[in-house]
């Protein structure tokens, strides 16, 4: 298993599309973070003596709580793009009959899917860690003259830790859907549809119990502050949903791979 996982990770790292998509995601996060830096720095300079900040006009909040929430939200927004990265990684198997070659090298398809999933999860973990580090660095630049230890406080580290877990698990949904569809375009399209359910907020308004069952809605429920956002479930429910989506979809992908021709 270790050797197969290492081989799959090597395959990921040698694909130009891997670095292209990763570069776009990181560049986008840097651009958004740089744009927010001036606004955050100005808001920090205007913190009142009793520790109240207005990150958004007309919304005074305790400074520490608001800034930690913004830090986690800055990382969380990039979760919308990581499933695309995962879909691209999974879709490489269906170009030029690569899947057939992989099955010839590893005939036990359960081992192959497990190793591929572990390799993709490891790569996504590294990308997510870079994203969290960028968010932390820009937030530190904004708060260093007020409270430099804020970015390493317990609640900030807990929030970023939750982001790392959710980022990997939600991206694996995009990976699994691509394996199921055997098409990068269809896999990414299905993932975008799941994201759209959360972004439109229609189900959150009219059927919150159903909304809480979608993976990216679970991410909002897990990571964001209920005082600032319309959430549809508690963190425990969100964590269960977050774990079940990649587990179930990856299991379905493994079963279908075992029953279909490797082509």
Protein backbone atom coordinates (compact mmCIF):
# COMPACT_ATOMS: atom_id res chain seq x y z
CA UNK A 1 0.00 0.00 0.00
CA UNK A 2 2.80 2.43 0.89
CA UNK A 3 4.57 1.82 -2.41
CA UNK A 4 1.38 2.31 -4.43
CA UNK A 5 0.52 5.50 -2.51
CA UNK A 6 4.02 6.84 -3.13
CA UNK A 7 3.67 6.05 -6.84
CA UNK A 8 0.29 7.81 -7.02
CA UNK A 9 1.69 10.85 -5.22
CA UNK A 10 4.62 10.94 -7.64
CA UNK A 11 2.15 10.83 -10.52
CA UNK A 12 0.27 13.79 -9.04
CA UNK A 13 3.42 15.83 -8.56
CA UNK A 14 4.62 15.25 -12.13
CA UNK A 15 1.40 16.45 -13.81
CA UNK A 16 1.55 19.96 -15.24
CA UNK A 17 -2.17 20.39 -14.68
CA UNK A 18 -1.60 19.83 -10.95
CA UNK A 19 0.75 22.77 -10.67
CA UNK A 20 -1.30 24.93 -13.03
CA UNK A 21 -4.51 24.60 -10.98
CA UNK A 22 -2.63 24.86 -7.69
CA UNK A 23 -0.89 28.00 -8.88
CA UNK A 24 -4.18 29.60 -9.88
CA UNK A 25 -5.75 28.80 -6.50
CA UNK A 26 -2.79 30.16 -4.52
CA UNK A 27 -2.53 33.26 -6.71
CA UNK A 28 -6.24 33.96 -6.25
CA UNK A 29 -5.95 33.60 -2.48
CA UNK A 30 -2.95 35.95 -2.42
CA UNK A 31 -4.86 38.50 -4.50
CA UNK A 32 -7.95 38.41 -2.26
CA UNK A 33 -5.85 38.48 0.92
CA UNK A 34 -3.85 41.48 -0.32
CA UNK A 35 -7.07 43.32 -1.17
CA UNK A 36 -8.42 42.67 2.35
CA UNK A 37 -5.20 43.68 4.13
CA UNK A 38 -5.74 47.44 3.86
CA UNK A 39 -9.35 47.19 5.04
CA UNK A 40 -8.44 44.92 7.96
CA UNK A 41 -5.50 47.12 8.97
CA UNK A 42 -7.69 50.21 8.97
CA UNK A 43 -10.36 48.44 11.03
CA UNK A 44 -7.74 47.31 13.56
CA UNK A 45 -6.42 50.87 13.90
CA UNK A 46 -9.96 51.99 14.75
CA UNK A 47 -10.57 49.42 17.49
CA UNK A 48 -12.23 51.21 20.40
CA UNK A 49 -10.69 51.25 23.91
CA UNK A 50 -13.24 48.65 25.03
CA UNK A 51 -12.09 46.26 22.26
CA UNK A 52 -14.84 46.70 19.66
CA UNK A 53 -14.14 46.59 15.92
CA UNK A 54 -16.18 47.26 12.79
CA UNK A 55 -14.85 44.98 10.05
CA UNK A 56 -18.03 45.83 8.18
CA UNK A 57 -19.69 49.25 8.56
CA UNK A 58 -22.49 49.26 11.08
CA UNK A 59 -21.57 45.87 12.54
CA UNK A 60 -19.59 46.40 15.77
CA UNK A 61 -18.18 43.20 17.26
CA UNK A 62 -15.66 42.20 19.93
CA UNK A 63 -12.36 42.57 18.07
CA UNK A 64 -10.77 39.23 18.89
CA UNK A 65 -13.86 37.22 18.02
CA UNK A 66 -14.48 39.13 14.80
CA UNK A 67 -10.89 38.88 13.58
CA UNK A 68 -10.62 35.16 14.32
CA UNK A 69 -13.88 34.62 12.44
CA UNK A 70 -12.57 36.61 9.49
CA UNK A 71 -9.32 34.63 9.52
CA UNK A 72 -11.15 31.31 9.30
CA UNK A 73 -13.60 32.64 6.71
CA UNK A 74 -10.69 33.82 4.55
CA UNK A 75 -9.36 30.28 4.41
CA UNK A 76 -12.82 28.74 4.05
CA UNK A 77 -13.65 30.66 0.89
CA UNK A 78 -10.90 28.77 -0.94
CA UNK A 79 -12.71 25.49 -0.23
CA UNK A 80 -14.87 26.41 -3.22
CA UNK A 81 -11.88 25.84 -5.52
CA UNK A 82 -10.16 22.82 -3.99
CA UNK A 83 -12.75 20.30 -5.33
CA UNK A 84 -11.84 21.52 -8.82
CA UNK A 85 -8.22 20.67 -8.04
CA UNK A 86 -9.31 17.23 -6.82
CA UNK A 87 -11.44 16.68 -9.91
CA UNK A 88 -8.49 17.47 -12.15
CA UNK A 89 -6.31 15.00 -10.23
CA UNK A 90 -8.92 12.24 -10.54
CA UNK A 91 -9.70 13.01 -14.18
CA UNK A 92 -6.14 12.33 -15.30
CA UNK A 93 -6.88 8.60 -15.03
CA UNK A 94 -9.37 8.82 -17.88
CA UNK A 95 -7.05 10.47 -20.38
CA UNK A 96 -5.21 8.26 -22.88
CA UNK A 97 -6.47 5.07 -21.13
CA UNK A 98 -4.35 5.83 -18.08
CA UNK A 99 -6.78 3.92 -15.84
CA UNK A 100 -6.15 0.70 -17.71
CA UNK A 101 -2.41 1.10 -17.21
CA UNK A 102 -2.93 1.79 -13.51
CA UNK A 103 -5.02 -1.37 -13.12
CA UNK A 104 -2.35 -3.41 -14.91
CA UNK A 105 0.21 -2.08 -12.44
CA UNK A 106 -2.11 -2.59 -9.42
CA UNK A 107 -4.67 -5.33 -10.27
CA UNK A 108 -6.37 -5.13 -6.86
CA UNK A 109 -8.68 -2.24 -7.53
CA UNK A 110 -9.56 -1.70 -3.88
CA UNK A 111 -5.89 -1.15 -3.14
CA UNK A 112 -5.61 1.18 -6.13
CA UNK A 113 -8.55 3.36 -5.08
CA UNK A 114 -7.36 3.47 -1.47
CA UNK A 115 -3.84 4.45 -2.50
CA UNK A 116 -5.11 7.08 -4.95
CA UNK A 117 -7.39 8.55 -2.29
CA UNK A 118 -4.58 8.71 0.25
CA UNK A 119 -2.25 10.38 -2.26
CA UNK A 120 -4.87 12.94 -3.28
CA UNK A 121 -5.72 13.62 0.37
CA UNK A 122 -2.05 14.17 1.20
CA UNK A 123 -1.58 16.60 -1.68
CA UNK A 124 -4.77 18.47 -0.80
CA UNK A 125 -3.58 18.68 2.81
CA UNK A 126 -0.37 20.40 1.67
CA UNK A 127 -2.28 22.87 -0.51
CA UNK A 128 -4.75 23.58 2.32
CA UNK A 129 -1.86 24.16 4.72
CA UNK A 130 -0.40 26.73 2.31
CA UNK A 131 -3.79 28.45 2.11
CA UNK A 132 -4.12 28.56 5.91
CA UNK A 133 -0.56 29.90 6.20
CA UNK A 134 -1.29 32.70 3.72
CA UNK A 135 -4.46 33.67 5.62
CA UNK A 136 -2.50 33.69 8.89
CA UNK A 137 0.37 35.75 7.44
CA UNK A 138 -1.91 38.47 6.09
CA UNK A 139 -3.96 38.59 9.28
CA UNK A 140 -0.75 38.87 11.31
CA UNK A 141 0.30 41.82 9.14
CA UNK A 142 -3.00 43.51 10.01
CA UNK A 143 -2.98 42.85 13.78
CA UNK A 144 0.73 42.79 14.67
CA UNK A 145 0.64 46.22 16.29
CA UNK A 146 -2.53 45.43 18.25
CA UNK A 147 -2.35 41.76 19.24
CA UNK A 148 0.35 39.75 17.43
CA UNK A 149 -0.52 36.61 19.36
CA UNK A 150 -4.09 36.56 18.06
CA UNK A 151 -3.22 34.43 15.02
CA UNK A 152 -1.76 31.69 17.24
CA UNK A 153 -4.44 31.84 19.94
CA UNK A 154 -6.34 28.68 20.76
CA UNK A 155 -9.54 29.59 18.94
CA UNK A 156 -7.62 30.74 15.85
CA UNK A 157 -5.68 27.47 15.69
CA UNK A 158 -8.86 25.48 16.29
CA UNK A 159 -10.64 27.34 13.50
CA UNK A 160 -7.78 26.81 11.07
CA UNK A 161 -7.59 23.15 12.09
CA UNK A 162 -11.28 22.74 11.29
CA UNK A 163 -10.64 24.41 7.95
CA UNK A 164 -7.87 21.93 7.11
CA UNK A 165 -10.11 18.96 7.90
CA UNK A 166 -13.05 20.32 5.94
CA UNK A 167 -10.92 21.46 3.00
CA UNK A 168 -9.55 17.96 2.43
CA UNK A 169 -12.81 16.10 3.04
CA UNK A 170 -14.91 18.39 0.85
CA UNK A 171 -12.36 18.28 -1.97
CA UNK A 172 -12.41 14.47 -1.84
CA UNK A 173 -16.09 14.69 -2.75
CA UNK A 174 -15.09 16.32 -6.04
CA UNK A 175 -12.44 13.63 -6.52
CA UNK A 176 -14.93 10.82 -5.91
CA UNK A 177 -17.63 12.32 -8.14
CA UNK A 178 -15.08 12.53 -10.96
CA UNK A 179 -14.16 8.87 -10.48
CA UNK A 180 -17.84 7.94 -10.52
CA UNK A 181 -18.57 9.95 -13.67
CA UNK A 182 -15.26 9.03 -15.34
CA UNK A 183 -15.15 12.58 -16.62
CA UNK A 184 -13.37 15.63 -15.23
CA UNK A 185 -15.97 17.98 -16.70
CA UNK A 186 -18.96 16.08 -15.27
CA UNK A 187 -17.27 15.60 -11.90
CA UNK A 188 -16.45 19.30 -11.59
CA UNK A 189 -19.93 20.22 -12.84
CA UNK A 190 -21.56 18.07 -10.15
CA UNK A 191 -19.34 19.65 -7.52
CA UNK A 192 -20.20 23.16 -8.72
CA UNK A 193 -23.89 22.25 -8.44
CA UNK A 194 -23.37 21.23 -4.80
CA UNK A 195 -21.55 24.50 -4.14
CA UNK A 196 -24.34 26.47 -5.83
CA UNK A 197 -26.88 24.99 -3.42
CA UNK A 198 -24.95 26.55 -0.54
CA UNK A 199 -24.12 29.82 -2.29
CA UNK A 200 -27.71 30.62 -3.31
CA UNK A 201 -28.94 30.05 0.27
CA UNK A 202 -32.40 29.10 -1.03
CA UNK A 203 -32.50 25.78 0.81
CA UNK A 204 -31.11 27.44 3.94
CA UNK A 205 -34.07 29.81 3.97
CA UNK A 206 -36.89 27.43 3.02
CA UNK A 207 -35.71 23.94 4.08
CA UNK A 208 -32.79 24.34 6.51
CA UNK A 209 -32.88 20.67 7.52
CA UNK A 210 -32.20 19.66 3.91
CA UNK A 211 -29.59 22.37 3.46
CA UNK A 212 -27.65 20.97 6.43
CA UNK A 213 -27.18 17.69 4.50
CA UNK A 214 -25.17 19.27 1.69
CA UNK A 215 -21.36 19.14 2.04
CA UNK A 216 -20.55 22.82 1.61
CA UNK A 217 -23.42 23.88 3.81
CA UNK A 218 -21.91 21.56 6.42
CA UNK A 219 -18.66 23.47 5.99
CA UNK A 220 -20.40 26.76 6.75
CA UNK A 221 -22.06 25.19 9.79
CA UNK A 222 -18.73 23.79 10.97
CA UNK A 223 -16.47 26.79 10.44
CA UNK A 224 -18.43 30.04 10.53
CA UNK A 225 -19.70 32.02 13.49
CA UNK A 226 -23.50 31.65 13.93
CA UNK A 227 -23.67 35.26 15.11
CA UNK A 228 -22.56 36.47 11.69
CA UNK A 229 -24.03 33.82 9.37
CA UNK A 230 -27.29 31.98 8.76
CA UNK A 231 -26.37 28.44 9.82
CA UNK A 232 -28.63 25.41 9.50
CA UNK A 233 -27.10 22.91 11.94
CA UNK A 234 -24.68 22.63 14.83
CA UNK A 235 -20.99 21.70 14.58
CA UNK A 236 -21.52 18.03 15.56
CA UNK A 237 -24.12 17.50 12.82
CA UNK A 238 -21.89 19.36 10.36
CA UNK A 239 -18.89 17.19 11.18
CA UNK A 240 -20.87 13.98 10.60
CA UNK A 241 -22.12 15.26 7.22
CA UNK A 242 -18.62 16.41 6.29
CA UNK A 243 -17.17 12.95 6.96
CA UNK A 244 -19.99 10.93 5.40
CA UNK A 245 -19.92 12.67 2.00
CA UNK A 246 -16.36 11.67 1.01
CA UNK A 247 -16.65 8.25 2.65
CA UNK A 248 -19.86 7.33 0.81
CA UNK A 249 -18.91 8.82 -2.56
CA UNK A 250 -15.44 7.24 -2.48
CA UNK A 251 -16.96 3.87 -1.57
CA UNK A 252 -19.37 4.15 -4.51
CA UNK A 253 -16.47 5.07 -6.80
CA UNK A 254 -14.53 2.00 -5.61
CA UNK A 255 -17.50 -0.32 -6.20
CA UNK A 256 -18.09 1.05 -9.69
CA UNK A 257 -14.41 0.83 -10.56
CA UNK A 258 -14.44 -2.81 -9.50
CA UNK A 259 -17.44 -3.59 -11.72
CA UNK A 260 -16.59 -1.58 -14.83
CA UNK A 261 -13.95 -2.17 -17.45
CA UNK A 262 -10.73 -0.33 -16.74
CA UNK A 263 -10.68 2.06 -19.69
